[in-house]
Amino acid sequence: MGVRPYSVREYARLQGLKDDFIFPVSSTAAYRQIGNGVSRHVGMWIGNEMNRYINQIRAA
């Protein structure tokens, strides 16, 4: 049995997008958008770390 590639929807789920998110572009463009995107969980973590750093600088 061969290995199939993930669908656009499966990649979107891995990025944390909800199932009702609509990609109004071709499948090729949707794959590119997902590949170039940053997971919302990673973005949230980066934002929280930046906020923590800024608060440390202000407190110093």
Protein backbone atom coordinates (compact mmCIF):
# COMPACT_ATOMS: atom_id res chain seq x y z
CA MET A 1 0.00 0.00 0.00
CA GLY A 2 1.41 3.39 -1.01
CA VAL A 3 1.57 6.57 1.00
CA ARG A 4 -0.82 9.29 -0.10
CA PRO A 5 -0.10 13.01 0.25
CA TYR A 6 -2.04 15.03 2.80
CA SER A 7 -5.01 17.02 1.53
CA VAL A 8 -5.28 20.80 1.84
CA ARG A 9 -7.79 20.31 4.67
CA GLU A 10 -5.43 17.97 6.57
CA TYR A 11 -2.58 20.48 6.30
CA ALA A 12 -4.93 23.25 7.44
CA ARG A 13 -5.83 21.19 10.52
CA LEU A 14 -2.15 20.72 11.29
CA GLN A 15 -1.75 24.50 11.18
CA GLY A 16 -4.62 24.89 13.65
CA LEU A 17 -7.23 26.21 11.22
CA LYS A 18 -10.86 25.29 11.83
CA ASP A 19 -12.66 22.95 9.44
CA ASP A 20 -14.98 25.72 8.23
CA PHE A 21 -12.05 27.85 7.01
CA ILE A 22 -12.48 28.40 3.27
CA PHE A 23 -9.59 28.74 0.82
CA PRO A 24 -10.98 30.86 -2.05
CA VAL A 25 -8.05 29.89 -4.28
CA SER A 26 -6.88 26.86 -6.23
CA SER A 27 -5.53 23.81 -4.41
CA THR A 28 -2.00 24.69 -5.51
CA ALA A 29 -2.32 28.19 -4.06
CA ALA A 30 -3.88 26.80 -0.88
CA TYR A 31 -0.95 24.40 -0.40
CA ARG A 32 1.42 27.35 -0.86
CA GLN A 33 -0.47 29.55 1.61
CA ILE A 34 -0.48 26.84 4.25
CA GLY A 35 3.20 26.10 3.66
CA ASN A 36 4.12 29.77 4.02
CA GLY A 37 1.92 30.27 7.07
CA VAL A 38 2.87 30.16 10.72
CA SER A 39 0.82 27.94 12.99
CA ARG A 40 -1.38 30.07 15.22
CA HIS A 41 0.01 28.22 18.23
CA VAL A 42 3.57 29.17 17.27
CA GLY A 43 2.49 32.76 16.58
CA MET A 44 0.80 32.95 19.95
CA TRP A 45 3.90 31.59 21.70
CA ILE A 46 6.15 34.12 19.92
CA GLY A 47 3.78 36.97 20.84
CA ASN A 48 3.70 35.91 24.48
CA GLU A 49 7.50 35.69 24.63
CA MET A 50 7.84 39.14 23.05
CA ASN A 51 5.35 40.55 25.56
CA ARG A 52 7.24 38.95 28.46
CA TYR A 53 10.53 40.40 27.17
CA ILE A 54 9.07 43.90 26.76
CA ASN A 55 7.63 43.77 30.27
CA GLN A 56 11.06 42.76 31.64
CA ILE A 57 12.67 45.73 29.89
CA ARG A 58 10.03 48.14 31.26
CA ALA A 59 10.48 46.80 34.79
CA ALA A 60 14.27 47.25 34.68
